[in-house]
Amino acid sequence: MNDNSPTPAKRTEPQPDPDLDSSPDTDEPAFAWMKDGSGTPEASPAGSSGAEQKGATQPESRADRKAAEAGVEPPAVVPSVEASLRKEPVTDGGTRNGAHFSEPLPTSALQVRPPQEEVERRNAERESAANAKPVAPRVWQVLLAVFYPVILLVLAVRAVTSPLFLWAEYNRPGFPGDGYGFSTDDRMSYGSYAVDYLTNWAGPRYLGDLVNRSGGNLFKDGEVSHMADVKVVILSAFGASTLLIILSLVAIAYLRRRSTGGVRRGLFAGSVIALAIILGLGTLAVLGWQQFFTEFHHIFFANGSWTFALDDTLIRLFPGQFWMDAGIVIGVLVFLAALVTLILTWPTRRRRGLVNDAQDAGEVQP
């Protein structure tokens, strides 16, 4: 460039930046070293940042400085998320930014597998618990099996102690007649009194006040006393049987709700027990009826209280053939009832549910 170079038509001096404040301001951080005549900035205390020192002495920025000059409160500074996370200590089970936070453990139950022996033991216990059956259904099932033969036996005894059985016995062919003058009508009339006395709540006078055709007492005192003893046994058996029937109905209702097939299994076991009892007692009776009859009376009655003369009323009304026939009828009734129950409750594959399981398995297979 020389003196002959053209100059611009309008050459103006550069204008200062209107927003630039050129006055020296000792409050700026750049001039902090000039304070107190020191050549170096003061060391920051340990554990504090430069921002904290500036915030304690002068505004940090131009906006803060201008707000201070105008008398307006400077705007609040919102700390960043990273700064808040950096400042707030986090411990196990503590909180971070108001939310619950816990550091994961180095290991957990999902990451550590127990030994193989422990796994097998737990699997065995789980399978055993799944296959185990409750105790209460088993108890009721056993009680039903025990009660059923007793109920059948008492019901058969009740069928024998009835006027219908008397009429069938006195009118059947071959029944021995009375050698002391009782006709069939006399036997039916007097015998009905004796049977009714066993099942009612009347006292001994019910039989003691009966008279025969000659005006004398129909039954002697010993006969009346023995019939009173028989009445105690019969009524006790009927009362016990009633209680067992109620308990059996409770057992049936419970097993129908809680145990599939429990009623069938209980009745099946009870019928087997009843058949075993009847066959055993029948064998003893066939081998020696008189011995069997004597031992039976020894169980329930005192010695000498049940033996009478041939001309006594009880012997004339109920001879030995009558008791033999009564024993046969009781045995047959119990045997037939137990046999029918056994057939109806026999554990077939269908009743045990094996047929349905096999059909379901066949449908699943290709």
Protein backbone atom coordinates (compact mmCIF):
# COMPACT_ATOMS: atom_id res chain seq x y z
CA MET A 1 0.00 0.00 0.00
CA ASN A 2 1.38 3.48 -0.89
CA ASP A 3 0.26 7.03 -0.68
CA ASN A 4 -1.46 6.76 -4.02
CA SER A 5 -3.77 4.02 -2.78
CA PRO A 6 -7.41 5.04 -2.81
CA THR A 7 -9.03 5.52 0.52
CA PRO A 8 -12.59 4.63 1.34
CA ALA A 9 -15.09 7.31 0.90
CA LYS A 10 -16.24 7.11 4.51
CA ARG A 11 -13.83 5.84 7.02
CA THR A 12 -15.04 5.82 10.52
CA GLU A 13 -13.43 4.88 13.75
CA PRO A 14 -14.41 1.48 15.25
CA GLN A 15 -17.24 1.75 17.74
CA PRO A 16 -17.03 -0.04 21.08
CA ASP A 17 -19.35 -2.98 21.81
CA PRO A 18 -22.36 -1.53 23.60
CA ASP A 19 -22.63 -4.65 25.83
CA LEU A 20 -18.95 -4.70 26.71
CA ASP A 21 -18.18 -3.22 30.05
CA SER A 22 -14.59 -1.99 29.79
CA SER A 23 -14.41 -0.49 33.24
CA PRO A 24 -12.17 -2.39 35.52
CA ASP A 25 -14.22 -4.50 37.90
CA THR A 26 -12.34 -6.08 40.70
CA ASP A 27 -15.30 -8.32 41.48
CA GLU A 28 -14.71 -10.40 38.38
CA PRO A 29 -13.08 -13.76 39.05
CA ALA A 30 -10.27 -12.77 36.69
CA PHE A 31 -9.23 -10.05 39.11
CA ALA A 32 -9.45 -12.12 42.23
CA TRP A 33 -5.67 -12.35 42.39
CA MET A 34 -5.46 -8.58 42.74
CA LYS A 35 -7.34 -8.48 46.00
CA ASP A 36 -5.48 -7.66 49.21
CA GLY A 37 -2.40 -7.10 47.14
CA SER A 38 -1.63 -10.78 46.92
CA GLY A 39 -0.11 -12.17 43.82
CA THR A 40 -1.70 -15.53 44.05
CA PRO A 41 -5.26 -16.59 44.70
CA GLU A 42 -6.07 -17.88 48.14
CA ALA A 43 -6.11 -21.59 48.51
CA SER A 44 -9.52 -23.13 48.71
CA PRO A 45 -10.35 -24.94 51.89
CA ALA A 46 -10.39 -28.70 51.67
CA GLY A 47 -13.63 -30.25 50.62
CA SER A 48 -15.06 -27.01 49.11
CA SER A 49 -15.30 -26.03 45.46
CA GLY A 50 -14.63 -22.76 43.74
CA ALA A 51 -18.27 -22.20 43.12
CA GLU A 52 -18.94 -22.36 46.85
CA GLN A 53 -16.24 -19.69 47.57
CA LYS A 54 -17.61 -17.33 44.93
CA GLY A 55 -21.10 -17.79 46.22
CA ALA A 56 -19.92 -16.64 49.66
CA THR A 57 -18.16 -13.41 48.43
CA GLN A 58 -19.66 -12.06 45.22
CA PRO A 59 -22.18 -13.01 42.52
CA GLU A 60 -21.03 -15.78 40.26
CA SER A 61 -22.13 -14.36 36.92
CA ARG A 62 -22.99 -11.12 35.16
CA ALA A 63 -26.70 -11.80 35.54
CA ASP A 64 -26.24 -12.21 39.29
CA ARG A 65 -24.15 -9.03 39.44
CA LYS A 66 -26.73 -7.00 37.53
CA ALA A 67 -29.52 -8.39 39.67
CA ALA A 68 -27.59 -7.38 42.77
CA GLU A 69 -27.07 -3.83 41.41
CA ALA A 70 -30.76 -3.54 40.60
CA GLY A 71 -31.78 -4.82 44.07
CA VAL A 72 -33.48 -7.91 42.69
CA GLU A 73 -32.95 -11.37 44.10
CA PRO A 74 -30.84 -13.42 41.68
CA PRO A 75 -32.53 -16.37 40.02
CA ALA A 76 -32.21 -19.66 41.81
CA VAL A 77 -29.69 -21.98 40.33
CA VAL A 78 -31.06 -25.45 39.70
CA PRO A 79 -28.34 -28.00 40.25
CA SER A 80 -27.88 -30.53 37.55
CA VAL A 81 -28.82 -34.14 38.03
CA GLU A 82 -25.22 -35.26 37.85
CA ALA A 83 -24.21 -32.73 40.51
CA SER A 84 -27.02 -33.87 42.84
CA LEU A 85 -26.07 -37.49 42.34
CA ARG A 86 -22.44 -36.61 42.95
CA LYS A 87 -23.17 -34.66 46.13
CA GLU A 88 -25.71 -37.02 47.76
CA PRO A 89 -24.16 -40.06 49.34
CA VAL A 90 -25.95 -43.35 48.65
CA THR A 91 -25.91 -46.23 51.08
CA ASP A 92 -27.58 -49.64 51.13
CA GLY A 93 -31.25 -49.21 51.84
CA GLY A 94 -30.99 -45.39 51.54
CA THR A 95 -32.68 -43.03 49.13
CA ARG A 96 -31.52 -41.24 46.02
CA ASN A 97 -33.44 -38.14 44.92
CA GLY A 98 -36.39 -39.10 47.13
CA ALA A 99 -36.70 -42.65 45.73
CA HIS A 100 -35.81 -45.84 47.51
CA PHE A 101 -32.63 -47.35 46.21
CA SER A 102 -30.57 -50.30 47.33
CA GLU A 103 -27.43 -51.62 45.83
CA PRO A 104 -27.65 -55.24 44.63
CA LEU A 105 -25.81 -57.76 46.70
CA PRO A 106 -22.78 -59.43 45.20
CA THR A 107 -24.71 -62.74 45.19
CA SER A 108 -28.36 -63.66 45.53
CA ALA A 109 -30.50 -66.75 46.07
CA LEU A 110 -31.19 -66.91 42.34
CA GLN A 111 -27.52 -66.96 41.51
CA VAL A 112 -26.44 -69.53 44.11
CA ARG A 113 -27.77 -73.07 43.52
CA PRO A 114 -28.00 -75.38 46.55
CA PRO A 115 -26.19 -78.68 46.52
CA GLN A 116 -27.66 -81.53 44.53
CA GLU A 117 -28.42 -83.51 47.71
CA GLU A 118 -30.47 -80.63 49.06
CA VAL A 119 -32.37 -80.32 45.78
CA GLU A 120 -33.19 -84.02 45.77
CA ARG A 121 -34.30 -83.91 49.41
CA ARG A 122 -36.63 -80.99 48.77
CA ASN A 123 -38.10 -82.66 45.69
CA ALA A 124 -38.70 -85.85 47.67
CA GLU A 125 -40.43 -83.96 50.47
CA ARG A 126 -42.57 -82.05 47.96
CA GLU A 127 -43.62 -85.26 46.21
CA SER A 128 -44.35 -86.98 49.51
CA ALA A 129 -46.51 -84.06 50.65
CA ALA A 130 -48.39 -84.10 47.34
CA ASN A 131 -49.07 -87.85 47.53
CA ALA A 132 -49.91 -87.92 51.25
CA LYS A 133 -53.58 -88.17 52.12
CA PRO A 134 -55.23 -86.35 55.04
CA VAL A 135 -55.65 -88.31 58.26
CA ALA A 136 -59.30 -87.41 58.96
CA PRO A 137 -60.76 -89.16 55.87
CA ARG A 138 -58.81 -92.29 56.71
CA VAL A 139 -60.14 -92.28 60.28
CA TRP A 140 -63.74 -91.88 59.14
CA GLN A 141 -63.24 -94.59 56.55
CA VAL A 142 -61.98 -97.03 59.19
CA LEU A 143 -64.84 -96.15 61.54
CA LEU A 144 -67.36 -96.77 58.78
CA ALA A 145 -65.80 -100.15 58.08
CA VAL A 146 -66.01 -101.10 61.79
CA PHE A 147 -69.53 -99.78 62.36
CA TYR A 148 -71.10 -101.43 59.33
CA PRO A 149 -70.95 -105.09 60.51
CA VAL A 150 -72.31 -104.16 63.95
CA ILE A 151 -75.20 -102.25 62.38
CA LEU A 152 -76.05 -105.18 60.12
CA LEU A 153 -75.98 -107.61 63.05
CA VAL A 154 -78.24 -105.47 65.26
CA LEU A 155 -80.70 -104.84 62.43
CA ALA A 156 -80.92 -108.58 61.84
CA VAL A 157 -81.60 -109.13 65.56
CA ARG A 158 -84.34 -106.51 65.40
CA ALA A 159 -85.93 -108.35 62.48
CA VAL A 160 -86.06 -111.53 64.56
CA THR A 161 -87.56 -109.86 67.64
CA SER A 162 -90.84 -109.05 65.90
CA PRO A 163 -94.32 -110.57 65.78
CA LEU A 164 -93.83 -111.29 62.06
CA PHE A 165 -91.00 -113.69 62.77
CA LEU A 166 -93.08 -115.32 65.52
CA TRP A 167 -95.97 -115.88 63.15
CA ALA A 168 -93.63 -117.34 60.49
CA GLU A 169 -92.07 -119.70 63.03
CA TYR A 170 -95.25 -120.95 64.65
CA ASN A 171 -96.92 -121.57 61.29
CA ARG A 172 -94.05 -123.08 59.36
CA PRO A 173 -94.17 -126.81 58.69
CA GLY A 174 -92.03 -128.90 60.99
CA PHE A 175 -91.98 -126.52 63.92
CA PRO A 176 -92.34 -128.58 67.12
CA GLY A 177 -95.66 -128.25 68.95
CA ASP A 178 -96.23 -127.76 72.67
CA GLY A 179 -96.68 -130.95 74.63
CA TYR A 180 -98.33 -129.15 77.56
CA GLY A 181 -101.38 -127.73 75.84
CA PHE A 182 -100.45 -124.44 74.10
CA SER A 183 -102.06 -124.11 70.72
CA THR A 184 -100.63 -122.03 67.91
CA ASP A 185 -102.95 -119.15 68.81
CA ASP A 186 -101.88 -119.37 72.45
CA ARG A 187 -98.26 -119.29 71.48
CA MET A 188 -98.82 -116.35 69.15
CA SER A 189 -100.68 -114.39 71.83
CA TYR A 190 -98.32 -115.09 74.73
CA GLY A 191 -95.22 -114.92 72.61
CA SER A 192 -96.20 -111.46 71.28
CA TYR A 193 -96.35 -110.17 74.87
CA ALA A 194 -92.83 -111.42 75.49
CA VAL A 195 -91.45 -109.88 72.28
CA ASP A 196 -93.23 -106.58 72.86
CA TYR A 197 -91.77 -106.41 76.37
CA LEU A 198 -88.23 -106.60 74.94
CA THR A 199 -88.74 -103.51 72.77
CA ASN A 200 -90.92 -101.26 74.97
CA TRP A 201 -90.18 -99.27 78.12
CA ALA A 202 -92.55 -101.15 80.43
CA GLY A 203 -91.43 -102.63 83.73
CA PRO A 204 -91.32 -106.30 84.77
CA ARG A 205 -95.00 -106.21 85.75
CA TYR A 206 -95.79 -106.15 82.03
CA LEU A 207 -95.07 -109.91 82.07
CA GLY A 208 -95.49 -110.61 85.76
CA ASP A 209 -99.19 -109.71 85.80
CA LEU A 210 -100.12 -112.00 82.89
CA VAL A 211 -102.28 -114.98 83.81
CA ASN A 212 -103.03 -118.20 82.02
CA ARG A 213 -106.40 -119.86 81.46
CA SER A 214 -106.39 -121.44 84.90
CA GLY A 215 -105.89 -118.05 86.59
CA GLY A 216 -102.29 -118.56 87.61
CA ASN A 217 -99.28 -116.44 86.67
CA LEU A 218 -98.20 -117.08 83.11
CA PHE A 219 -94.51 -116.41 83.84
CA LYS A 220 -92.66 -117.30 87.01
CA ASP A 221 -90.45 -114.84 88.83
CA GLY A 222 -87.29 -116.38 87.41
CA GLU A 223 -88.63 -116.10 83.90
CA VAL A 224 -89.62 -112.48 84.40
CA SER A 225 -86.16 -111.70 85.83
CA HIS A 226 -84.43 -113.31 82.87
CA MET A 227 -86.61 -111.43 80.40
CA ALA A 228 -85.68 -108.20 82.20
CA ASP A 229 -82.00 -109.05 81.70
CA VAL A 230 -82.60 -109.81 78.04
CA LYS A 231 -84.43 -106.50 77.70
CA VAL A 232 -81.40 -104.59 79.03
CA VAL A 233 -79.14 -106.28 76.48
CA ILE A 234 -81.56 -105.73 73.60
CA LEU A 235 -82.23 -102.07 74.36
CA SER A 236 -78.51 -101.40 74.88
CA ALA A 237 -77.76 -102.99 71.52
CA PHE A 238 -80.51 -100.98 69.82
CA GLY A 239 -79.30 -97.74 71.41
CA ALA A 240 -75.68 -98.41 70.43
CA SER A 241 -76.79 -99.29 66.92
CA THR A 242 -78.72 -96.01 66.64
CA LEU A 243 -75.61 -94.07 67.65
CA LEU A 244 -73.50 -96.02 65.17
CA ILE A 245 -75.99 -95.33 62.41
CA ILE A 246 -75.79 -91.58 63.11
CA LEU A 247 -71.99 -91.68 63.13
CA SER A 248 -72.00 -93.70 59.93
CA LEU A 249 -74.21 -91.13 58.22
CA VAL A 250 -71.82 -88.40 59.37
CA ALA A 251 -68.90 -90.43 58.02
CA ILE A 252 -70.63 -90.93 54.68
CA ALA A 253 -71.43 -87.21 54.37
CA TYR A 254 -67.86 -86.27 55.26
CA LEU A 255 -66.26 -88.79 52.92
CA ARG A 256 -68.49 -87.73 50.03
CA ARG A 257 -67.10 -84.21 50.37
CA ARG A 258 -63.47 -84.85 51.28
CA SER A 259 -62.49 -88.25 49.86
CA THR A 260 -63.32 -89.50 46.41
CA GLY A 261 -64.27 -93.18 46.74
CA GLY A 262 -63.96 -93.10 50.54
CA VAL A 263 -67.53 -94.27 51.13
CA ARG A 264 -67.08 -97.15 48.70
CA ARG A 265 -63.83 -98.26 50.31
CA GLY A 266 -65.28 -98.04 53.82
CA LEU A 267 -68.38 -100.07 52.97
CA PHE A 268 -66.30 -102.59 51.04
CA ALA A 269 -64.02 -103.18 54.02
CA GLY A 270 -67.04 -103.34 56.34
CA SER A 271 -68.75 -105.95 54.19
CA VAL A 272 -65.58 -108.06 54.19
CA ILE A 273 -65.46 -107.86 57.99
CA ALA A 274 -69.15 -108.77 58.26
CA LEU A 275 -68.72 -111.79 56.01
CA ALA A 276 -65.72 -112.95 58.02
CA ILE A 277 -67.65 -112.62 61.31
CA ILE A 278 -70.74 -114.43 60.05
CA LEU A 279 -68.75 -117.25 58.47
CA GLY A 280 -66.75 -117.68 61.66
CA LEU A 281 -69.77 -117.70 63.96
CA GLY A 282 -71.70 -119.94 61.57
CA THR A 283 -68.88 -122.46 61.56
CA LEU A 284 -68.84 -122.54 65.36
CA ALA A 285 -72.63 -122.94 65.50
CA VAL A 286 -72.61 -125.81 62.99
CA LEU A 287 -69.81 -127.64 64.77
CA GLY A 288 -71.63 -127.50 68.12
CA TRP A 289 -74.88 -125.61 68.46
CA GLN A 290 -75.50 -126.43 72.11
CA GLN A 291 -71.99 -125.39 73.11
CA PHE A 292 -72.30 -122.23 71.07
CA PHE A 293 -75.68 -121.38 72.61
CA THR A 294 -74.35 -121.95 76.14
CA GLU A 295 -71.23 -119.82 75.65
CA PHE A 296 -73.31 -117.04 74.15
CA HIS A 297 -75.51 -116.90 77.27
CA HIS A 298 -72.46 -116.99 79.53
CA ILE A 299 -71.24 -113.76 77.96
CA PHE A 300 -74.38 -111.73 78.78
CA PHE A 301 -76.12 -113.49 81.68
CA ALA A 302 -75.19 -114.91 85.07
CA ASN A 303 -74.95 -118.63 85.53
CA GLY A 304 -78.26 -120.29 86.46
CA SER A 305 -80.40 -117.27 85.54
CA TRP A 306 -81.25 -118.51 82.07
CA THR A 307 -81.94 -122.26 82.60
CA PHE A 308 -85.58 -123.38 83.00
CA ALA A 309 -87.66 -126.51 83.17
CA LEU A 310 -89.35 -127.97 80.10
CA ASP A 311 -92.81 -127.03 81.40
CA ASP A 312 -91.94 -123.37 81.99
CA THR A 313 -93.67 -120.86 79.74
CA LEU A 314 -90.49 -119.51 78.12
CA ILE A 315 -89.41 -123.00 77.03
CA ARG A 316 -92.87 -123.81 75.74
CA LEU A 317 -93.05 -120.56 73.76
CA PHE A 318 -89.42 -120.54 72.59
CA PRO A 319 -88.04 -124.05 72.29
CA GLY A 320 -84.55 -124.85 71.13
CA GLN A 321 -85.65 -125.03 67.49
CA PHE A 322 -86.85 -121.45 67.70
CA TRP A 323 -83.38 -120.17 68.70
CA MET A 324 -81.71 -122.28 66.07
CA ASP A 325 -83.99 -120.85 63.41
CA ALA A 326 -83.44 -117.33 64.76
CA GLY A 327 -79.67 -117.79 64.54
CA ILE A 328 -79.96 -119.02 60.96
CA VAL A 329 -82.15 -116.08 59.95
CA ILE A 330 -79.76 -113.59 61.56
CA GLY A 331 -76.78 -115.14 59.81
CA VAL A 332 -78.52 -115.26 56.43
CA LEU A 333 -79.71 -111.64 56.65
CA VAL A 334 -76.25 -110.36 57.57
CA PHE A 335 -74.60 -112.55 54.94
CA LEU A 336 -76.91 -111.37 52.15
CA ALA A 337 -76.60 -107.69 53.10
CA ALA A 338 -72.81 -107.93 53.31
CA LEU A 339 -72.61 -109.85 50.02
CA VAL A 340 -74.74 -107.27 48.17
CA THR A 341 -72.63 -104.47 49.62
CA LEU A 342 -69.47 -106.29 48.61
CA ILE A 343 -70.68 -106.62 45.02
CA LEU A 344 -71.83 -103.01 44.78
CA THR A 345 -68.57 -101.65 46.18
CA TRP A 346 -66.15 -104.05 44.50
CA PRO A 347 -63.12 -101.99 43.37
CA THR A 348 -63.41 -102.36 39.61
CA ARG A 349 -61.23 -100.36 37.24
CA ARG A 350 -64.11 -98.07 36.38
CA ARG A 351 -64.96 -97.39 40.03
CA ARG A 352 -61.32 -96.64 40.78
CA GLY A 353 -61.18 -94.25 37.82
CA LEU A 354 -58.56 -96.23 35.91
CA VAL A 355 -60.72 -96.58 32.80
CA ASN A 356 -61.14 -92.83 32.43
CA ASP A 357 -57.43 -92.30 32.98
CA ALA A 358 -56.59 -94.87 30.33
CA GLN A 359 -59.02 -93.28 27.87
CA ASP A 360 -57.55 -89.85 28.51
CA ALA A 361 -54.05 -91.21 28.00
CA GLY A 362 -55.14 -92.83 24.74
CA GLU A 363 -56.62 -89.58 23.49
CA VAL A 364 -53.40 -87.73 24.24
CA GLN A 365 -51.19 -90.22 22.43
CA PRO A 366 -50.91 -89.69 18.64
